[in-house]
PDB file of N, CA and C in Angstrom:
ATOM      1  N   MET A   1       0.904  -1.287  -0.093  1.00  0.00           N
ATOM      2  CA  MET A   1       0.073   0.062  -0.043  1.00  0.00           C
ATOM      3  C   MET A   1       0.780   1.120  -0.020  1.00  0.00           C
ATOM      4  N   GLU A   2       0.579   2.420  -0.779  1.00  0.00           N
ATOM      5  CA  GLU A   2       1.421   3.453  -0.771  1.00  0.00           C
ATOM      6  C   GLU A   2       1.005   4.270   0.425  1.00  0.00           C
ATOM      7  N   PRO A   3       2.004   5.260   0.806  1.00  0.00           N
ATOM      8  CA  PRO A   3       2.062   6.283   1.710  1.00  0.00           C
ATOM      9  C   PRO A   3       0.704   7.135   1.456  1.00  0.00           C
ATOM     10  N   MET A   4      -0.139   7.453   2.578  1.00  0.00           N
ATOM     11  CA  MET A   4      -1.069   8.546   2.381  1.00  0.00           C
ATOM     12  C   MET A   4      -0.213  10.007   2.355  1.00  0.00           C
ATOM     13  N   THR A   5      -0.902  10.863   1.163  1.00  0.00           N
ATOM     14  CA  THR A   5      -0.315  12.158   1.187  1.00  0.00           C
ATOM     15  C   THR A   5      -1.445  13.112   1.908  1.00  0.00           C
ATOM     16  N   GLU A   6      -0.936  13.890   2.601  1.00  0.00           N
ATOM     17  CA  GLU A   6      -1.609  14.837   3.315  1.00  0.00           C
ATOM     18  C   GLU A   6      -1.921  16.156   2.553  1.00  0.00           C
ATOM     19  N   LEU A   7      -3.410  15.990   2.611  1.00  0.00           N
ATOM     20  CA  LEU A   7      -3.997  17.414   1.666  1.00  0.00           C
ATOM     21  C   LEU A   7      -4.481  18.657   3.019  1.00  0.00           C
ATOM     22  N   GLN A   8      -3.956  19.781   2.471  1.00  0.00           N
ATOM     23  CA  GLN A   8      -4.784  20.987   3.070  1.00  0.00           C
ATOM     24  C   GLN A   8      -5.336  21.762   2.301  1.00  0.00           C
ATOM     25  N   ILE A   9      -6.490  22.105   2.875  1.00  0.00           N
ATOM     26  CA  ILE A   9      -7.679  22.697   2.355  1.00  0.00           C
ATOM     27  C   ILE A   9      -7.342  24.245   2.431  1.00  0.00           C
ATOM     28  N   VAL A  10      -7.161  24.940   1.477  1.00  0.00           N
ATOM     29  CA  VAL A  10      -7.013  26.506   1.534  1.00  0.00           C
ATOM     30  C   VAL A  10      -8.024  27.440   0.976  1.00  0.00           C
ATOM     31  N   ASP A  11      -8.382  28.116   2.206  1.00  0.00           N
ATOM     32  CA  ASP A  11      -9.510  29.066   1.879  1.00  0.00           C
ATOM     33  C   ASP A  11      -8.974  30.340   0.830  1.00  0.00           C
ATOM     34  N   GLY A  12      -9.609  30.689   0.026  1.00  0.00           N
ATOM     35  CA  GLY A  12      -9.254  32.003  -0.848  1.00  0.00           C
ATOM     36  C   GLY A  12      -9.058  33.284   0.096  1.00  0.00           C
ATOM     37  N   THR A  13      -9.577  33.095   1.011  1.00  0.00           N
ATOM     38  CA  THR A  13      -9.382  34.475   2.065  1.00  0.00           C
ATOM     39  C   THR A  13      -8.364  34.453   2.593  1.00  0.00           C
ATOM     40  N   GLN A  14      -7.246  33.156   2.959  1.00  0.00           N
ATOM     41  CA  GLN A  14      -6.094  33.191   3.583  1.00  0.00           C
ATOM     42  C   GLN A  14      -5.182  33.460   2.418  1.00  0.00           C
ATOM     43  N   GLN A  15      -5.349  33.507   1.377  1.00  0.00           N
ATOM     44  CA  GLN A  15      -3.909  33.736   0.437  1.00  0.00           C
ATOM     45  C   GLN A  15      -3.737  35.342   0.329  1.00  0.00           C
ATOM     46  N   PRO A  16      -2.559  35.503   0.658  1.00  0.00           N
ATOM     47  CA  PRO A  16      -1.973  36.855   0.563  1.00  0.00           C
ATOM     48  C   PRO A  16      -2.623  37.709  -0.646  1.00  0.00           C
ATOM     49  N   SER A  17      -3.259  38.901  -0.611  1.00  0.00           N
ATOM     50  CA  SER A  17      -3.464  39.423  -1.305  1.00  0.00           C
ATOM     51  C   SER A  17      -2.815  40.881  -1.035  1.00  0.00           C
ATOM     52  N   CYS A  18      -2.757  41.549  -2.259  1.00  0.00           N
ATOM     53  CA  CYS A  18      -2.130  42.675  -2.137  1.00  0.00           C
ATOM     54  C   CYS A  18      -3.269  44.312  -2.327  1.00  0.00           C
ATOM     55  N   VAL A  19      -3.056  45.279  -1.628  1.00  0.00           N
ATOM     56  CA  VAL A  19      -3.629  46.478  -1.964  1.00  0.00           C
ATOM     57  C   VAL A  19      -2.731  47.323  -3.221  1.00  0.00           C
ATOM     58  N   HIS A  20      -2.913  47.137  -4.375  1.00  0.00           N
ATOM     59  CA  HIS A  20      -2.147  47.476  -5.260  1.00  0.00           C
ATOM     60  C   HIS A  20      -1.905  49.355  -5.080  1.00  0.00           C
ATOM     61  N   HIS A  21      -0.419  49.574  -5.436  1.00  0.00           N
ATOM     62  CA  HIS A  21      -0.225  51.126  -5.664  1.00  0.00           C
ATOM     63  C   HIS A  21       0.429  51.322  -6.836  1.00  0.00           C
ATOM     64  N   TRP A  22      -0.458  51.449  -7.774  1.00  0.00           N
ATOM     65  CA  TRP A  22      -0.138  51.515  -9.049  1.00  0.00           C
ATOM     66  C   TRP A  22       0.903  52.819  -9.737  1.00  0.00           C
ATOM     67  N   MET A  23       2.205  52.587 -10.511  1.00  0.00           N
ATOM     68  CA  MET A  23       2.959  53.623 -10.625  1.00  0.00           C
ATOM     69  C   MET A  23       2.902  53.284 -12.202  1.00  0.00           C
ATOM     70  N   LEU A  24       2.303  54.399 -12.694  1.00  0.00           N
ATOM     71  CA  LEU A  24       1.940  54.746 -14.536  1.00  0.00           C
ATOM     72  C   LEU A  24       3.003  55.105 -14.992  1.00  0.00           C
ATOM     73  N   GLY A  25       3.590  54.260 -16.205  1.00  0.00           N
ATOM     74  CA  GLY A  25       4.882  54.819 -17.193  1.00  0.00           C
ATOM     75  C   GLY A  25       4.202  55.835 -17.929  1.00  0.00           C
ATOM     76  N   ASP A  26       4.933  56.332 -18.987  1.00  0.00           N
ATOM     77  CA  ASP A  26       4.461  56.907 -20.210  1.00  0.00           C
ATOM     78  C   ASP A  26       3.555  56.403 -21.304  1.00  0.00           C
ATOM     79  N   PRO A  27       2.859  56.958 -21.783  1.00  0.00           N
ATOM     80  CA  PRO A  27       1.760  56.254 -23.000  1.00  0.00           C
ATOM     81  C   PRO A  27       2.711  55.994 -23.745  1.00  0.00           C
ATOM     82  N   ALA A  28       2.670  54.820 -24.486  1.00  0.00           N
ATOM     83  CA  ALA A  28       3.272  54.424 -25.613  1.00  0.00           C
ATOM     84  C   ALA A  28       2.636  53.353 -26.515  1.00  0.00           C
ATOM     85  N   GLY A  29       2.367  53.641 -27.596  1.00  0.00           N
ATOM     86  CA  GLY A  29       1.215  52.781 -28.522  1.00  0.00           C
ATOM     87  C   GLY A  29       0.083  52.591 -27.958  1.00  0.00           C
ATOM     88  N   GLY A  30      -0.671  53.934 -27.410  1.00  0.00           N
ATOM     89  CA  GLY A  30      -1.828  53.367 -27.025  1.00  0.00           C
ATOM     90  C   GLY A  30      -2.225  52.932 -25.885  1.00  0.00           C
ATOM     91  N   ALA A  31      -1.208  52.557 -25.088  1.00  0.00           N
ATOM     92  CA  ALA A  31      -1.010  51.823 -23.687  1.00  0.00           C
ATOM     93  C   ALA A  31      -0.338  52.421 -23.038  1.00  0.00           C
ATOM     94  N   ILE A  32      -0.853  52.347 -21.349  1.00  0.00           N
ATOM     95  CA  ILE A  32       0.083  52.662 -20.283  1.00  0.00           C
ATOM     96  C   ILE A  32       0.347  51.670 -19.193  1.00  0.00           C
ATOM     97  N   ILE A  33       1.501  51.177 -19.402  1.00  0.00           N
ATOM     98  CA  ILE A  33       1.926  50.378 -18.329  1.00  0.00           C
ATOM     99  C   ILE A  33       2.236  50.553 -17.000  1.00  0.00           C
ATOM    100  N   GLY A  34       1.181  49.843 -16.228  1.00  0.00           N
ATOM    101  CA  GLY A  34       1.209  50.149 -14.471  1.00  0.00           C
ATOM    102  C   GLY A  34       1.983  49.155 -13.881  1.00  0.00           C
ATOM    103  N   ARG A  35       2.691  49.503 -12.961  1.00  0.00           N
ATOM    104  CA  ARG A  35       3.538  48.492 -12.019  1.00  0.00           C
ATOM    105  C   ARG A  35       3.351  48.836 -10.641  1.00  0.00           C
ATOM    106  N   CYS A  36       2.775  47.899  -9.633  1.00  0.00           N
ATOM    107  CA  CYS A  36       2.489  47.916  -8.469  1.00  0.00           C
ATOM    108  C   CYS A  36       3.697  48.087  -7.630  1.00  0.00           C
ATOM    109  N   ARG A  37       3.885  49.145  -6.890  1.00  0.00           N
ATOM    110  CA  ARG A  37       5.350  49.327  -6.013  1.00  0.00           C
ATOM    111  C   ARG A  37       5.444  48.119  -4.883  1.00  0.00           C
ATOM    112  N   ARG A  38       4.381  47.871  -4.571  1.00  0.00           N
ATOM    113  CA  ARG A  38       4.100  46.796  -3.581  1.00  0.00           C
ATOM    114  C   ARG A  38       4.813  45.386  -3.698  1.00  0.00           C
ATOM    115  N   CYS A  39       3.773  44.685  -4.956  1.00  0.00           N
ATOM    116  CA  CYS A  39       3.983  43.580  -5.088  1.00  0.00           C
ATOM    117  C   CYS A  39       4.365  43.032  -6.803  1.00  0.00           C
ATOM    118  N   ASN A  40       4.738  44.283  -7.412  1.00  0.00           N
ATOM    119  CA  ASN A  40       5.553  44.081  -8.512  1.00  0.00           C
ATOM    120  C   ASN A  40       4.684  43.658  -9.498  1.00  0.00           C
ATOM    121  N   ALA A  41       3.205  43.641  -9.484  1.00  0.00           N
ATOM    122  CA  ALA A  41       2.500  43.344 -10.277  1.00  0.00           C
ATOM    123  C   ALA A  41       2.222  44.094 -11.499  1.00  0.00           C
ATOM    124  N   THR A  42       1.951  43.992 -12.637  1.00  0.00           N
ATOM    125  CA  THR A  42       2.090  44.687 -13.907  1.00  0.00           C
ATOM    126  C   THR A  42       0.252  44.505 -14.437  1.00  0.00           C
ATOM    127  N   LYS A  43      -0.109  45.835 -14.838  1.00  0.00           N
ATOM    128  CA  LYS A  43      -1.187  46.035 -15.588  1.00  0.00           C
ATOM    129  C   LYS A  43      -1.299  46.940 -16.898  1.00  0.00           C
ATOM    130  N   VAL A  44      -1.787  46.465 -17.858  1.00  0.00           N
ATOM    131  CA  VAL A  44      -2.038  47.930 -19.158  1.00  0.00           C
ATOM    132  C   VAL A  44      -3.204  48.374 -18.973  1.00  0.00           C
ATOM    133  N   TYR A  45      -3.167  49.647 -18.875  1.00  0.00           N
ATOM    134  CA  TYR A  45      -4.126  50.705 -19.090  1.00  0.00           C
ATOM    135  C   TYR A  45      -4.226  51.340 -20.605  1.00  0.00           C
ATOM    136  N   SER A  46      -5.295  51.689 -21.012  1.00  0.00           N
ATOM    137  CA  SER A  46      -5.611  52.194 -22.370  1.00  0.00           C
ATOM    138  C   SER A  46      -5.314  53.523 -22.297  1.00  0.00           C
ATOM    139  N   ALA A  47      -4.528  54.210 -23.206  1.00  0.00           N
ATOM    140  CA  ALA A  47      -4.157  55.590 -23.092  1.00  0.00           C
ATOM    141  C   ALA A  47      -5.281  56.247 -23.788  1.00  0.00           C
ATOM    142  N   SER A  48      -6.128  55.797 -24.107  1.00  0.00           N
ATOM    143  CA  SER A  48      -7.407  56.498 -24.595  1.00  0.00           C
ATOM    144  C   SER A  48      -8.747  56.672 -23.850  1.00  0.00           C
ATOM    145  N   PRO A  49      -9.166  57.761 -23.144  1.00  0.00           N
ATOM    146  CA  PRO A  49     -10.079  57.932 -22.088  1.00  0.00           C
ATOM    147  C   PRO A  49     -11.590  57.283 -22.729  1.00  0.00           C
ATOM    148  N   GLU A  50     -11.766  57.024 -23.813  1.00  0.00           N
ATOM    149  CA  GLU A  50     -12.846  56.540 -24.808  1.00  0.00           C
ATOM    150  C   GLU A  50     -12.760  55.145 -24.775  1.00  0.00           C
ATOM    151  N   SER A  51     -11.787  54.273 -24.761  1.00  0.00           N
ATOM    152  CA  SER A  51     -11.983  52.970 -24.485  1.00  0.00           C
ATOM    153  C   SER A  51     -11.704  52.529 -23.132  1.00  0.00           C
ATOM    154  N   ASN A  52     -11.896  53.511 -22.224  1.00  0.00           N
ATOM    155  CA  ASN A  52     -11.905  53.035 -20.573  1.00  0.00           C
ATOM    156  C   ASN A  52     -13.075  53.103 -20.412  1.00  0.00           C
ATOM    157  N   ASP A  53     -13.741  51.632 -19.378  1.00  0.00           N
ATOM    158  CA  ASP A  53     -14.590  51.584 -19.147  1.00  0.00           C
ATOM    159  C   ASP A  53     -15.539  52.538 -18.244  1.00  0.00           C
ATOM    160  N   ARG A  54     -14.795  53.187 -17.317  1.00  0.00           N
ATOM    161  CA  ARG A  54     -15.181  54.393 -16.357  1.00  0.00           C
ATOM    162  C   ARG A  54     -15.489  55.744 -17.366  1.00  0.00           C
ATOM    163  N   PHE A  55     -14.984  55.754 -18.600  1.00  0.00           N
ATOM    164  CA  PHE A  55     -15.210  57.020 -19.204  1.00  0.00           C
ATOM    165  C   PHE A  55     -16.719  57.653 -19.252  1.00  0.00           C
ATOM    166  N   ASP A  56     -17.081  56.417 -19.561  1.00  0.00           N
ATOM    167  CA  ASP A  56     -18.988  56.695 -19.895  1.00  0.00           C
ATOM    168  C   ASP A  56     -19.595  57.087 -18.271  1.00  0.00           C
ATOM    169  N   ASP A  57     -18.856  56.453 -17.333  1.00  0.00           N
ATOM    170  CA  ASP A  57     -19.536  57.067 -16.380  1.00  0.00           C
ATOM    171  C   ASP A  57     -19.260  58.710 -15.908  1.00  0.00           C
ATOM    172  N   TYR A  58     -17.887  58.869 -16.190  1.00  0.00           N
ATOM    173  CA  TYR A  58     -17.707  60.193 -16.051  1.00  0.00           C
ATOM    174  C   TYR A  58     -18.078  61.176 -16.899  1.00  0.00           C
ATOM    175  N   ARG A  59     -18.456  60.827 -17.969  1.00  0.00           N
ATOM    176  CA  ARG A  59     -19.430  61.555 -18.934  1.00  0.00           C
ATOM    177  C   ARG A  59     -20.748  61.808 -18.887  1.00  0.00           C
ATOM    178  N   GLU A  60     -21.129  60.668 -17.921  1.00  0.00           N
ATOM    179  CA  GLU A  60     -22.933  60.847 -17.524  1.00  0.00           C
ATOM    180  C   GLU A  60     -22.843  61.851 -16.384  1.00  0.00           C
ATOM    181  N   LEU A  61     -21.669  61.425 -15.384  1.00  0.00           N
ATOM    182  CA  LEU A  61     -21.861  62.274 -14.131  1.00  0.00           C
ATOM    183  C   LEU A  61     -21.371  63.789 -14.744  1.00  0.00           C
ATOM    184  N   THR A  62     -20.734  64.176 -15.386  1.00  0.00           N
ATOM    185  CA  THR A  62     -20.377  65.494 -15.927  1.00  0.00           C
ATOM    186  C   THR A  62     -21.650  66.114 -16.445  1.00  0.00           C
ATOM    187  N   ALA A  63     -22.217  65.292 -17.585  1.00  0.00           N
ATOM    188  CA  ALA A  63     -23.264  65.909 -18.452  1.00  0.00           C
ATOM    189  C   ALA A  63     -24.644  66.520 -17.459  1.00  0.00           C
ATOM    190  N   THR A  64     -24.847  65.581 -16.130  1.00  0.00           N
ATOM    191  CA  THR A  64     -25.761  65.596 -15.285  1.00  0.00           C
ATOM    192  C   THR A  64     -25.404  66.745 -14.228  1.00  0.00           C
ATOM    193  N   SER A  65     -24.470  67.099 -13.985  1.00  0.00           N
ATOM    194  CA  SER A  65     -23.736  67.763 -12.852  1.00  0.00           C
ATOM    195  C   SER A  65     -24.516  69.400 -13.055  1.00  0.00           C
ATOM    196  N   SER A  66     -24.793  69.914 -12.200  1.00  0.00           N
ATOM    197  CA  SER A  66     -25.630  71.290 -11.840  1.00  0.00           C
ATOM    198  C   SER A  66     -24.662  72.435 -12.320  1.00  0.00           C
ATOM    199  N   TYR A  67     -23.222  72.046 -12.156  1.00  0.00           N
ATOM    200  CA  TYR A  67     -22.190  72.896 -12.410  1.00  0.00           C
ATOM    201  C   TYR A  67     -22.071  73.022 -13.759  1.00  0.00           C
ATOM    202  N   ASN A  68     -22.059  71.983 -14.436  1.00  0.00           N
ATOM    203  CA  ASN A  68     -21.764  71.931 -15.623  1.00  0.00           C
ATOM    204  C   ASN A  68     -22.831  72.558 -16.708  1.00  0.00           C
ATOM    205  N   ALA A  69     -24.363  72.483 -15.995  1.00  0.00           N
ATOM    206  CA  ALA A  69     -25.387  72.560 -16.655  1.00  0.00           C
ATOM    207  C   ALA A  69     -25.543  74.478 -17.159  1.00  0.00           C
ATOM    208  N   GLY A  70     -25.273  74.889 -15.836  1.00  0.00           N
ATOM    209  CA  GLY A  70     -24.842  76.596 -15.925  1.00  0.00           C
ATOM    210  C   GLY A  70     -24.144  76.884 -17.097  1.00  0.00           C
ATOM    211  N   ARG A  71     -23.055  76.559 -16.948  1.00  0.00           N
ATOM    212  CA  ARG A  71     -21.697  76.519 -18.030  1.00  0.00           C
ATOM    213  C   ARG A  71     -21.754  76.476 -19.557  1.00  0.00           C
ATOM    214  N   LEU A  72     -22.756  75.022 -19.919  1.00  0.00           N
ATOM    215  CA  LEU A  72     -23.153  74.794 -20.976  1.00  0.00           C
ATOM    216  C   LEU A  72     -24.097  75.595 -21.761  1.00  0.00           C
ATOM    217  N   SER A  73     -25.084  75.983 -21.025  1.00  0.00           N
ATOM    218  CA  SER A  73     -26.094  77.073 -21.623  1.00  0.00           C
ATOM    219  C   SER A  73     -25.845  78.309 -21.651  1.00  0.00           C
ATOM    220  N   ALA A  74     -24.683  78.693 -21.311  1.00  0.00           N
ATOM    221  CA  ALA A  74     -24.052  80.227 -21.561  1.00  0.00           C
ATOM    222  C   ALA A  74     -23.532  80.466 -22.862  1.00  0.00           C
TER     223      ALA A  74
END
């Protein structure tokens, strides 16, 4: 009979995680490369705000803002 292998169950919440602190590089070729100062993870961001998922939220918020409403009608 083969020796038994001990298995350990690892809960996903016990795995180390990083609260990223992104340092963004210069835009090149339509992309901005970010590197986390804490864990060295990398992420590629779009250099174009129109292709950013949050740009539509920004556009919607600024269009409905009372601050911009007075400025747009002038």
